[in-house]
Amino acid sequence: MSFSFSYPYTPDPGFKKRVAYFCMEFAIHQPLKTYAGGLGFLAGSHMRSAYELKQNVVGIGILWKYGYYDQIRKQDQTMDVLFQEKIYGFLQETNIKFTIKVSGHDVFVTAWYLPHEVFGTAPVFFLSTDLPENDYLAKTICHKLYDANPETRIAASILLGDGGARLLEKLNWLPEVYHLNESHGLPLAFHLYKKWGSLQQVQQQLVFTNHTPEAGGNEKKHISLLEKYGFYCDVSLEEVREIAAIEDDVMDYTLTALKLCGRANAVSYLHLQTLLGLWPEVPETGKLTAITNAQNCAYWQDKKMYEALKGDDDNALIKRKKECKQLLFEEVADQTGEIYDVDILTIVFAKRFTGFKRADLLFIDMERFQQLAANINMPVQIIWAGKPYPMDYAAIAMFDRIVNICKSYANCSVLAGYELKLSAMLKKGADVWLNVPRITHEASGTSGMSAAMNGAVNLSIPDGWFPEFAKDGVNSFVIPAANENLPVHEQDDADAASLYDMLEKRIIPMYYNNPGKWISLIKNGMKDISPQFDSKRMVTEYYNKLYQQ
């Protein structure tokens, strides 16, 4: 049966321009495991809000056969990695087949379709090479999100960029704007250049979003290696050098995307300043702006908490918060055997485990941590969760260290399986949402947004989106950041000392001794987070700032 695509609903006149949104990961709902972390959460919220506003957007991603990975435990409770095949009965086969070139060989591609009504999103297509026509190596291109093999990662970029563009041509749904959400799908730019033969035409229709200043998220590869694998979509290396203004033999994906697109954005105002410092070539083009990330309120916020807020019913809000804490504590008990108390201040650190996010900052001074964790007069409960990259052994070691420390504390625990479902449970059950990135390293960070939508009080370093929201002592707590020019270990020591001081002198005493002030913090956070950090605002800005010529 042939697949015929027409846009499934009538777009709003203000959002009728056709946009294709290319992203390596989408976190749309728990059953669909096509994401690793924050980039996916952001893309999922984008697709939901695009649907709510009836925008003329189509998502293009990859159907990862084994997802990112399933986070499980070894015998001693430390972390292990499981790659398990995923089957999705709710996706529709399109039976579309075409080929892309990888390393000079034809690779067959098909696409699976997520209709808008399944999860309430803009329509999304997921590409796959897991076909009988392909050999094993070709099939593995779509096996693991962010595969550790660099050649497989290059092939995945070709699949997303070149394959996604070819799919849209097969569907005869030709965008007016191609949105490259992160530089993973950079071959899209070369496909369009090959098709149109005009850099000016590419720049008129291609836009780009950068989500991180971290080196790991801004890939660099030797130009000859990329040529060997077909990254340039049959554009000659000489032309690539010319249009991307490459002077040495290394292609910086992010810088190339910034040069080849017509408009680009950072994902917070602070991130914009960081990017302008990292790539001084960019400011003179005037093409870079800031569109701060956001999360979909309709998906993330606790409806009963907001009903209580609207009715100015503090007792109902407190009651609902305790109900949510109890649901989280049942998960804690199931995973760790610890029984937690809903009346005790509960601090949560939950996000992707990577070095700059400093999941272990509370352990910088073990004497002060011991004082905090052992205080029986004003007790705390602390929960960690998060997924390192499966081959990031330093981050996995950090996770395991926290697991082993928590074994000695009945009020400290680490949860495995940090995905959309557990993320929501943690945000609803947290009293304090802890975020301590090394300053200037967090482009945006969005977990604190959805935490505030669930009555959690943010405690954070003023990086990424947070300075645009935070009013210290009014809707959140701001940890004064160490001087970014200090050596890393001195920054960590200073930030840890500030964190201990804030917990001991302000936050914990307020929770126990001034409940009226605490509930005011919760309510102000819930009010201030929306609409500014609802993704409806974000996707509207994309149309108004990035998609307009």
Protein backbone atom coordinates (compact mmCIF):
# COMPACT_ATOMS: atom_id res chain seq x y z
CA MET A 1 0.00 0.00 0.00
CA SER A 2 1.47 3.36 -1.01
CA PHE A 3 1.76 6.17 1.52
CA SER A 4 0.40 9.56 0.57
CA PHE A 5 1.13 12.51 2.82
CA SER A 6 -0.86 15.69 3.09
CA TYR A 7 -0.74 17.97 6.08
CA PRO A 8 -3.20 16.48 8.58
CA TYR A 9 -4.78 19.73 9.83
CA THR A 10 -5.29 23.26 8.56
CA PRO A 11 -2.39 25.45 9.75
CA ASP A 12 -3.10 28.70 11.52
CA PRO A 13 -2.70 31.60 9.03
CA GLY A 14 0.03 33.09 11.21
CA PHE A 15 2.06 29.86 10.98
CA LYS A 16 1.37 28.68 7.45
CA LYS A 17 4.98 28.74 6.22
CA ARG A 18 6.09 25.11 5.69
CA VAL A 19 8.92 24.16 8.07
CA ALA A 20 10.86 20.89 8.32
CA TYR A 21 12.48 20.43 11.74
CA PHE A 22 15.52 18.12 11.63
CA CYS A 23 16.68 16.71 14.98
CA MET A 24 18.71 13.66 15.97
CA GLU A 25 16.49 12.96 19.00
CA PHE A 26 12.87 13.51 20.03
CA ALA A 27 11.56 12.97 23.58
CA ILE A 28 7.84 13.01 22.88
CA HIS A 29 6.43 10.49 25.36
CA GLN A 30 7.77 7.65 27.49
CA PRO A 31 6.82 4.82 25.08
CA LEU A 32 8.90 6.31 22.24
CA LYS A 33 12.57 6.03 23.23
CA THR A 34 14.24 8.12 20.55
CA TYR A 35 16.13 10.51 22.83
CA ALA A 36 19.11 10.88 25.15
CA GLY A 37 18.46 14.03 27.16
CA GLY A 38 17.80 17.75 27.04
CA LEU A 39 17.95 18.17 23.26
CA GLY A 40 15.28 15.49 22.90
CA PHE A 41 13.12 16.96 25.69
CA LEU A 42 13.29 20.31 23.92
CA ALA A 43 12.38 18.80 20.53
CA GLY A 44 9.44 16.93 22.06
CA SER A 45 8.07 20.12 23.59
CA HIS A 46 8.60 21.89 20.25
CA MET A 47 6.52 19.29 18.41
CA ARG A 48 3.73 19.44 21.04
CA SER A 49 3.48 23.23 20.99
CA ALA A 50 3.68 23.32 17.19
CA TYR A 51 0.57 21.14 17.19
CA GLU A 52 -1.23 23.19 19.86
CA LEU A 53 -0.69 26.36 17.81
CA LYS A 54 -1.44 24.57 14.51
CA GLN A 55 1.91 25.41 12.98
CA ASN A 56 2.80 24.02 9.56
CA VAL A 57 5.76 21.96 10.87
CA VAL A 58 6.99 18.44 10.13
CA GLY A 59 9.57 16.73 12.33
CA ILE A 60 12.36 14.62 10.83
CA GLY A 61 14.25 12.20 13.06
CA ILE A 62 15.71 8.68 13.17
CA LEU A 63 14.03 5.55 14.50
CA TRP A 64 16.72 4.19 16.84
CA LYS A 65 16.32 0.42 16.99
CA TYR A 66 17.91 0.17 20.43
CA GLY A 67 17.08 3.68 21.52
CA TYR A 68 19.81 5.49 23.42
CA TYR A 69 20.16 2.66 25.93
CA ASP A 70 18.30 1.30 28.93
CA GLN A 71 19.95 2.21 32.22
CA ILE A 72 20.04 -0.81 34.52
CA ARG A 73 22.07 -1.94 37.54
CA LYS A 74 24.77 -4.47 38.17
CA GLN A 75 24.70 -6.83 41.15
CA ASP A 76 26.21 -4.19 43.44
CA GLN A 77 23.66 -1.52 42.31
CA THR A 78 26.21 0.36 40.20
CA MET A 79 25.25 1.26 36.65
CA ASP A 80 25.04 -1.01 33.64
CA VAL A 81 24.01 -0.46 30.03
CA LEU A 82 21.40 -2.50 28.16
CA PHE A 83 20.72 -2.17 24.45
CA GLN A 84 17.29 -3.69 23.93
CA GLU A 85 15.31 -3.70 20.70
CA LYS A 86 12.34 -1.35 20.62
CA ILE A 87 9.06 -2.16 18.86
CA TYR A 88 6.47 0.57 18.30
CA GLY A 89 3.02 -0.56 17.24
CA PHE A 90 1.69 3.01 17.14
CA LEU A 91 4.02 4.10 14.30
CA GLN A 92 2.78 3.72 10.74
CA GLU A 93 4.88 2.10 8.02
CA THR A 94 5.12 4.35 4.99
CA ASN A 95 6.62 1.63 2.74
CA ILE A 96 8.64 4.42 1.14
CA LYS A 97 12.10 3.28 0.06
CA PHE A 98 14.97 5.23 -1.43
CA THR A 99 18.75 5.21 -1.22
CA ILE A 100 21.46 7.44 0.18
CA LYS A 101 25.19 7.10 -0.44
CA VAL A 102 27.43 6.15 2.49
CA SER A 103 31.09 5.47 1.78
CA GLY A 104 30.29 5.11 -1.90
CA HIS A 105 27.62 2.43 -1.37
CA ASP A 106 23.87 2.58 -1.76
CA VAL A 107 22.06 2.33 1.59
CA PHE A 108 18.32 1.75 1.52
CA VAL A 109 16.17 4.00 3.73
CA THR A 110 12.56 3.82 4.79
CA ALA A 111 10.46 6.02 7.07
CA TRP A 112 7.97 5.48 9.87
CA TYR A 113 5.25 8.01 10.56
CA LEU A 114 3.99 9.33 13.89
CA PRO A 115 0.52 10.80 13.26
CA HIS A 116 -0.34 13.96 15.17
CA GLU A 117 -3.19 12.37 17.11
CA VAL A 118 -1.09 9.68 18.83
CA PHE A 119 0.63 12.02 21.31
CA GLY A 120 -0.67 15.44 20.28
CA THR A 121 2.29 16.59 18.21
CA ALA A 122 3.07 17.98 14.80
CA PRO A 123 3.54 15.03 12.40
CA VAL A 124 6.97 13.41 12.70
CA PHE A 125 8.81 11.02 10.35
CA PHE A 126 11.48 8.67 11.65
CA LEU A 127 14.09 7.35 9.19
CA SER A 128 15.43 3.81 9.34
CA THR A 129 18.06 1.72 7.52
CA ASP A 130 17.00 -1.47 9.31
CA LEU A 131 15.90 -3.13 6.07
CA PRO A 132 16.58 -6.56 4.53
CA GLU A 133 18.08 -4.88 1.47
CA ASN A 134 20.97 -3.56 3.57
CA ASP A 135 24.00 -5.40 4.89
CA TYR A 136 24.68 -5.46 8.63
CA LEU A 137 26.86 -2.35 8.69
CA ALA A 138 24.23 -0.31 6.85
CA LYS A 139 21.56 -1.54 9.25
CA THR A 140 23.59 -0.38 12.26
CA ILE A 141 23.40 3.27 11.17
CA CYS A 142 20.05 3.55 12.99
CA HIS A 143 20.77 1.12 15.82
CA LYS A 144 22.13 3.35 18.60
CA LEU A 145 21.63 7.05 19.17
CA TYR A 146 25.07 8.71 19.39
CA ASP A 147 26.92 5.51 18.60
CA ALA A 148 30.45 5.49 20.02
CA ASN A 149 31.86 4.49 16.61
CA PRO A 150 32.79 7.75 14.81
CA GLU A 151 32.13 6.29 11.35
CA THR A 152 28.63 5.23 12.40
CA ARG A 153 28.02 8.72 13.78
CA ILE A 154 29.01 10.21 10.42
CA ALA A 155 26.65 7.82 8.63
CA ALA A 156 23.83 8.77 11.01
CA SER A 157 24.40 12.44 10.14
CA ILE A 158 24.10 11.58 6.44
CA LEU A 159 20.93 9.60 7.15
CA LEU A 160 19.32 12.50 9.01
CA GLY A 161 20.43 15.34 6.73
CA ASP A 162 20.54 13.82 3.24
CA GLY A 163 17.95 11.11 3.97
CA GLY A 164 15.53 13.56 5.57
CA ALA A 165 15.70 15.92 2.60
CA ARG A 166 15.19 13.03 0.16
CA LEU A 167 12.19 11.81 2.16
CA LEU A 168 10.52 15.21 1.91
CA GLU A 169 11.10 15.16 -1.85
CA LYS A 170 9.52 11.68 -2.04
CA LEU A 171 6.54 12.95 -0.05
CA ASN A 172 6.33 16.00 -2.33
CA TRP A 173 6.14 18.17 0.79
CA LEU A 174 8.77 20.78 0.08
CA PRO A 175 9.54 23.12 2.99
CA GLU A 176 10.00 26.84 2.71
CA VAL A 177 12.30 26.60 5.75
CA TYR A 178 14.66 23.78 6.75
CA HIS A 179 15.41 23.99 10.48
CA LEU A 180 18.61 22.21 11.52
CA ASN A 181 18.19 21.69 15.26
CA GLU A 182 21.83 21.14 16.26
CA SER A 183 24.55 20.38 13.71
CA HIS A 184 24.16 16.57 13.65
CA GLY A 185 22.24 16.73 10.36
CA LEU A 186 24.71 19.06 8.63
CA PRO A 187 24.71 17.05 5.35
CA LEU A 188 21.29 18.64 4.82
CA ALA A 189 23.08 21.89 3.91
CA PHE A 190 25.20 20.14 1.28
CA HIS A 191 22.17 18.29 -0.12
CA LEU A 192 20.42 21.64 -0.59
CA TYR A 193 23.51 23.23 -2.13
CA LYS A 194 23.86 20.34 -4.58
CA LYS A 195 20.18 20.61 -5.43
CA TRP A 196 20.06 24.37 -5.96
CA GLY A 197 23.68 25.17 -6.88
CA SER A 198 23.41 28.41 -4.94
CA LEU A 199 24.74 29.24 -1.50
CA GLN A 200 22.42 32.24 -1.41
CA GLN A 201 19.41 29.97 -1.94
CA VAL A 202 20.60 27.66 0.86
CA GLN A 203 20.97 30.62 3.20
CA GLN A 204 17.49 31.85 2.34
CA GLN A 205 15.89 28.58 3.43
CA LEU A 206 18.22 27.01 6.02
CA VAL A 207 18.15 28.02 9.71
CA PHE A 208 20.19 26.56 12.55
CA THR A 209 19.97 26.23 16.34
CA ASN A 210 22.99 25.54 18.54
CA HIS A 211 22.27 24.00 21.94
CA THR A 212 25.64 23.77 23.66
CA PRO A 213 29.07 25.39 23.84
CA GLU A 214 30.54 22.06 25.02
CA ALA A 215 33.13 20.49 22.70
CA GLY A 216 31.33 17.14 22.82
CA GLY A 217 28.25 18.71 21.28
CA ASN A 218 30.15 20.60 18.58
CA GLU A 219 31.80 17.90 16.51
CA LYS A 220 34.93 18.37 14.44
CA LYS A 221 36.11 15.91 11.82
CA HIS A 222 38.86 15.77 9.18
CA ILE A 223 37.43 16.96 5.89
CA SER A 224 38.88 14.00 3.96
CA LEU A 225 37.23 11.49 6.31
CA LEU A 226 33.89 13.20 5.80
CA GLU A 227 34.43 13.20 2.02
CA LYS A 228 35.21 9.48 2.10
CA TYR A 229 31.86 8.73 3.75
CA GLY A 230 29.81 10.98 1.47
CA PHE A 231 29.05 13.69 4.03
CA TYR A 232 29.06 16.37 1.32
CA CYS A 233 26.34 14.76 -0.84
CA ASP A 234 28.46 14.81 -4.02
CA VAL A 235 29.58 18.41 -3.59
CA SER A 236 33.28 18.50 -4.39
CA LEU A 237 35.79 19.09 -1.62
CA GLU A 238 36.98 22.23 -3.38
CA GLU A 239 33.46 23.68 -3.37
CA VAL A 240 32.98 22.66 0.27
CA ARG A 241 36.15 24.50 1.21
CA GLU A 242 34.95 27.56 -0.66
CA ILE A 243 31.35 27.80 0.60
CA ALA A 244 32.27 26.87 4.19
CA ALA A 245 35.46 28.99 4.16
CA ILE A 246 37.57 26.13 5.54
CA GLU A 247 41.24 27.04 5.67
CA ASP A 248 42.73 23.98 7.38
CA ASP A 249 41.73 20.30 7.13
CA VAL A 250 39.14 20.17 9.92
CA MET A 251 35.43 20.80 9.60
CA ASP A 252 33.81 22.33 12.66
CA TYR A 253 30.16 21.23 12.30
CA THR A 254 28.77 24.15 14.28
CA LEU A 255 30.83 26.85 12.60
CA THR A 256 30.02 25.39 9.18
CA ALA A 257 26.30 25.36 9.98
CA LEU A 258 26.53 28.98 11.12
CA LYS A 259 28.18 29.91 7.81
CA LEU A 260 25.81 27.99 5.56
CA CYS A 261 22.54 28.98 7.21
CA GLY A 262 20.82 32.31 6.72
CA ARG A 263 19.73 32.75 10.34
CA ALA A 264 20.74 31.02 13.57
CA ASN A 265 19.99 31.15 17.25
CA ALA A 266 21.41 30.43 20.66
CA VAL A 267 19.06 28.99 23.28
CA SER A 268 19.38 31.66 25.98
CA TYR A 269 20.69 35.20 26.19
CA LEU A 270 23.77 34.07 28.13
CA HIS A 271 24.39 31.32 25.58
CA LEU A 272 24.34 33.93 22.81
CA GLN A 273 27.16 35.82 24.50
CA THR A 274 29.12 32.59 24.92
CA LEU A 275 28.73 31.70 21.23
CA LEU A 276 29.82 35.15 20.13
CA GLY A 277 32.97 34.65 22.17
CA LEU A 278 33.63 31.14 20.83
CA TRP A 279 33.10 32.03 17.17
CA PRO A 280 34.20 35.65 16.65
CA GLU A 281 33.66 35.23 12.90
CA VAL A 282 29.89 35.05 13.42
CA PRO A 283 28.88 38.45 14.90
CA GLU A 284 29.78 40.39 11.78
CA THR A 285 27.18 38.47 9.79
CA GLY A 286 24.39 39.65 12.10
CA LYS A 287 22.59 36.34 11.64
CA LEU A 288 22.76 35.07 15.25
CA THR A 289 20.00 35.80 17.78
CA ALA A 290 18.72 34.32 21.04
CA ILE A 291 15.54 32.29 21.41
CA THR A 292 15.46 30.92 24.93
CA ASN A 293 14.41 27.29 25.27
CA ALA A 294 11.13 26.39 26.94
CA GLN A 295 9.05 23.36 27.88
CA ASN A 296 5.48 22.39 27.06
CA CYS A 297 3.31 23.37 30.03
CA ALA A 298 0.35 21.26 28.94
CA TYR A 299 2.53 18.13 29.03
CA TRP A 300 4.67 18.84 32.09
CA GLN A 301 2.66 20.81 34.62
CA ASP A 302 0.71 19.13 37.40
CA LYS A 303 -2.92 20.06 36.74
CA LYS A 304 -4.07 19.69 40.36
CA MET A 305 -1.30 21.96 41.64
CA TYR A 306 -2.33 24.64 39.16
CA GLU A 307 -6.00 24.25 40.10
CA ALA A 308 -5.01 24.91 43.71
CA LEU A 309 -2.87 27.87 42.63
CA LYS A 310 -5.73 29.35 40.60
CA GLY A 311 -8.09 28.93 43.55
CA ASP A 312 -5.52 30.44 45.95
CA ASP A 313 -5.90 27.28 48.06
CA ASP A 314 -2.56 26.79 49.82
CA ASN A 315 -3.79 23.75 51.75
CA ALA A 316 -4.82 22.00 48.53
CA LEU A 317 -1.45 22.84 46.95
CA ILE A 318 0.47 21.45 49.94
CA LYS A 319 -1.73 18.35 50.00
CA ARG A 320 -1.15 17.68 46.29
CA LYS A 321 2.60 18.24 46.66
CA LYS A 322 2.71 15.61 49.42
CA GLU A 323 0.70 13.20 47.26
CA CYS A 324 3.26 13.62 44.48
CA LYS A 325 6.12 13.15 46.93
CA GLN A 326 4.57 9.89 48.10
CA LEU A 327 4.33 8.60 44.52
CA LEU A 328 8.03 9.40 44.01
CA PHE A 329 8.95 7.79 47.32
CA GLU A 330 7.24 4.56 46.27
CA GLU A 331 9.65 4.47 43.32
CA VAL A 332 12.56 5.20 45.67
CA ALA A 333 11.49 2.35 47.93
CA ASP A 334 11.05 -0.01 44.99
CA GLN A 335 14.51 0.73 43.56
CA THR A 336 16.55 1.20 46.74
CA GLY A 337 14.65 -0.18 49.72
CA GLU A 338 14.59 3.20 51.48
CA ILE A 339 11.39 4.61 53.00
CA TYR A 340 11.12 8.40 52.76
CA ASP A 341 8.90 10.85 54.64
CA VAL A 342 6.69 13.38 52.80
CA ASP A 343 7.22 15.98 55.54
CA ILE A 344 11.01 16.03 55.07
CA LEU A 345 12.69 18.50 52.69
CA THR A 346 13.55 16.57 49.53
CA ILE A 347 16.35 17.73 47.23
CA VAL A 348 16.59 16.28 43.71
CA PHE A 349 19.49 16.37 41.25
CA ALA A 350 18.31 14.79 37.99
CA LYS A 351 19.75 15.41 34.54
CA ARG A 352 22.22 13.95 32.07
CA PHE A 353 25.38 12.95 33.90
CA THR A 354 28.35 14.76 32.43
CA GLY A 355 31.35 16.47 33.99
CA PHE A 356 30.30 20.14 33.81
CA LYS A 357 26.89 19.48 35.43
CA ARG A 358 28.72 18.33 38.60
CA ALA A 359 26.34 15.74 40.03
CA ASP A 360 28.87 15.14 42.81
CA LEU A 361 29.30 18.76 43.92
CA LEU A 362 27.69 18.03 47.29
CA PHE A 363 30.57 15.66 48.03
CA ILE A 364 33.38 18.20 47.59
CA ASP A 365 33.59 18.59 51.40
CA MET A 366 32.49 15.30 52.94
CA GLU A 367 32.52 16.74 56.45
CA ARG A 368 29.96 19.37 55.52
CA PHE A 369 27.95 16.84 53.54
CA GLN A 370 27.90 14.59 56.60
CA GLN A 371 26.60 17.46 58.74
CA LEU A 372 23.88 18.13 56.18
CA ALA A 373 22.83 14.50 55.74
CA ALA A 374 22.96 13.60 59.45
CA ASN A 375 21.02 16.59 60.80
CA ILE A 376 18.08 15.09 62.73
CA ASN A 377 16.56 18.42 63.79
CA MET A 378 16.12 19.70 60.20
CA PRO A 379 16.55 16.57 58.08
CA VAL A 380 16.88 16.32 54.32
CA GLN A 381 16.33 13.59 51.74
CA ILE A 382 18.46 13.69 48.59
CA ILE A 383 17.78 11.87 45.32
CA TRP A 384 20.03 11.66 42.27
CA ALA A 385 19.09 10.40 38.80
CA GLY A 386 20.53 10.72 35.31
CA LYS A 387 21.97 8.86 32.35
CA PRO A 388 25.61 9.30 31.29
CA TYR A 389 26.58 8.61 27.70
CA PRO A 390 26.99 4.82 27.63
CA MET A 391 30.71 5.07 26.82
CA ASP A 392 31.46 8.05 29.09
CA TYR A 393 33.34 6.07 31.68
CA ALA A 394 34.20 9.11 33.80
CA ALA A 395 30.51 10.03 34.11
CA ILE A 396 29.57 6.40 34.82
CA ALA A 397 32.25 6.32 37.53
CA MET A 398 30.68 9.46 39.03
CA PHE A 399 27.27 7.77 39.00
CA ASP A 400 28.74 4.68 40.67
CA ARG A 401 30.54 6.76 43.29
CA ILE A 402 27.27 8.43 44.27
CA VAL A 403 25.57 5.01 44.43
CA ASN A 404 28.25 3.74 46.80
CA ILE A 405 28.13 6.83 49.03
CA CYS A 406 24.34 6.60 49.25
CA LYS A 407 24.55 3.04 50.57
CA SER A 408 25.73 4.56 53.88
CA TYR A 409 22.81 7.00 54.14
CA ALA A 410 19.17 5.94 54.56
CA ASN A 411 18.10 9.41 53.37
CA CYS A 412 20.16 9.46 50.13
CA SER A 413 19.46 7.44 47.02
CA VAL A 414 20.18 7.10 43.31
CA LEU A 415 17.45 6.13 40.85
CA ALA A 416 18.10 4.42 37.52
CA GLY A 417 16.07 4.80 34.32
CA TYR A 418 15.95 8.59 34.04
CA GLU A 419 13.56 9.07 31.13
CA LEU A 420 10.38 11.10 30.62
CA LYS A 421 8.25 9.15 33.11
CA LEU A 422 10.78 9.24 35.95
CA SER A 423 11.66 12.84 35.12
CA ALA A 424 8.04 13.91 35.64
CA MET A 425 7.81 11.91 38.87
CA LEU A 426 10.98 13.53 40.24
CA LYS A 427 9.84 17.05 39.37
CA LYS A 428 6.43 16.55 40.96
CA GLY A 429 8.02 15.05 44.09
CA ALA A 430 10.96 17.44 44.56
CA ASP A 431 10.88 20.29 47.05
CA VAL A 432 14.21 21.65 45.78
CA TRP A 433 15.48 21.15 42.21
CA LEU A 434 19.27 21.38 42.25
CA ASN A 435 21.23 22.61 39.22
CA VAL A 436 24.96 23.32 39.57
CA PRO A 437 26.66 23.53 36.16
CA ARG A 438 30.09 25.09 35.93
CA ILE A 439 29.33 28.69 34.92
CA THR A 440 29.13 29.46 31.14
CA HIS A 441 28.89 25.74 30.28
CA GLU A 442 25.08 25.45 30.39
CA ALA A 443 23.60 26.75 27.14
CA SER A 444 20.07 26.72 28.47
CA GLY A 445 19.15 23.74 30.64
CA THR A 446 15.41 23.12 30.79
CA SER A 447 14.79 20.66 33.63
CA GLY A 448 14.33 23.52 36.10
CA MET A 449 11.52 24.93 33.95
CA SER A 450 9.39 21.82 34.17
CA ALA A 451 10.37 21.45 37.85
CA ALA A 452 8.87 24.89 38.57
CA MET A 453 5.73 23.78 36.72
CA ASN A 454 5.38 21.11 39.42
CA GLY A 455 5.90 23.12 42.58
CA ALA A 456 9.64 22.48 42.93
CA VAL A 457 11.83 25.42 44.01
CA ASN A 458 14.89 25.90 41.82
CA LEU A 459 18.30 26.13 43.48
CA SER A 460 20.78 26.91 40.72
CA ILE A 461 23.96 28.52 39.49
CA PRO A 462 22.95 31.57 37.37
CA ASP A 463 23.72 29.99 34.00
CA GLY A 464 21.69 29.27 30.86
CA TRP A 465 18.00 30.20 31.04
CA PHE A 466 17.99 30.69 34.81
CA PRO A 467 18.95 34.41 35.04
CA GLU A 468 15.98 35.21 32.78
CA PHE A 469 13.65 33.70 35.41
CA ALA A 470 15.26 33.80 38.82
CA LYS A 471 14.42 36.26 41.60
CA ASP A 472 16.48 35.11 44.53
CA GLY A 473 14.34 34.36 47.57
CA VAL A 474 11.15 35.18 45.65
CA ASN A 475 10.67 32.39 43.08
CA SER A 476 13.95 30.47 43.45
CA PHE A 477 17.39 30.48 45.06
CA VAL A 478 20.45 31.69 43.16
CA ILE A 479 23.86 30.27 44.07
CA PRO A 480 26.52 32.97 43.51
CA ALA A 481 28.83 31.53 40.87
CA ALA A 482 32.58 31.35 41.26
CA ASN A 483 34.83 33.34 38.94
CA GLU A 484 34.87 31.48 35.63
CA ASN A 485 38.56 32.32 35.16
CA LEU A 486 39.61 30.34 38.23
CA PRO A 487 41.06 26.84 37.78
CA VAL A 488 38.28 24.25 37.61
CA HIS A 489 38.99 22.73 41.04
CA GLU A 490 38.90 26.17 42.66
CA GLN A 491 35.57 26.94 40.97
CA ASP A 492 34.18 23.66 42.28
CA ASP A 493 35.41 24.31 45.82
CA ALA A 494 33.94 27.83 45.86
CA ASP A 495 30.59 26.77 44.38
CA ALA A 496 30.32 23.84 46.81
CA ALA A 497 30.96 26.16 49.77
CA SER A 498 28.25 28.55 48.53
CA LEU A 499 25.85 25.62 48.08
CA TYR A 500 26.42 24.34 51.62
CA ASP A 501 25.96 27.84 53.03
CA MET A 502 22.69 28.39 51.19
CA LEU A 503 21.28 25.05 52.26
CA GLU A 504 22.34 25.39 55.89
CA LYS A 505 21.56 29.08 56.45
CA ARG A 506 18.62 29.86 54.17
CA ILE A 507 16.85 26.99 52.46
CA ILE A 508 16.53 24.27 55.10
CA PRO A 509 15.63 26.69 57.93
CA MET A 510 13.03 28.39 55.74
CA TYR A 511 11.38 25.08 54.84
CA TYR A 512 10.97 24.09 58.49
CA ASN A 513 10.59 27.45 60.26
CA ASN A 514 8.75 29.60 57.73
CA PRO A 515 6.28 27.45 55.77
CA GLY A 516 4.37 30.54 54.66
CA LYS A 517 7.45 31.90 52.91
CA TRP A 518 8.13 28.47 51.39
CA ILE A 519 4.66 28.15 49.87
CA SER A 520 5.08 31.69 48.52
CA LEU A 521 8.28 30.59 46.73
CA ILE A 522 6.44 27.62 45.21
CA LYS A 523 3.54 29.75 44.01
CA ASN A 524 5.74 32.50 42.58
CA GLY A 525 7.77 29.92 40.69
CA MET A 526 4.63 28.33 39.24
CA LYS A 527 3.29 31.75 38.19
CA ASP A 528 6.54 33.11 36.77
CA ILE A 529 7.44 30.04 34.73
CA SER A 530 4.45 30.50 32.41
CA PRO A 531 3.95 31.81 29.80
CA GLN A 532 7.56 32.99 29.34
CA PHE A 533 8.99 29.46 29.57
CA ASP A 534 6.09 27.63 27.94
CA SER A 535 7.20 26.32 24.55
CA LYS A 536 4.23 28.04 22.88
CA ARG A 537 6.20 31.26 23.34
CA MET A 538 9.33 29.58 22.01
CA VAL A 539 7.84 28.14 18.83
CA THR A 540 6.09 31.45 18.12
CA GLU A 541 9.47 33.18 18.37
CA TYR A 542 10.94 30.68 15.93
CA TYR A 543 8.35 31.69 13.34
CA ASN A 544 8.74 35.42 14.03
CA LYS A 545 12.53 35.60 14.45
CA LEU A 546 14.07 32.67 12.59
CA TYR A 547 11.67 31.57 9.86
CA GLN A 548 11.01 35.00 8.40
CA GLN A 549 13.26 36.04 5.53
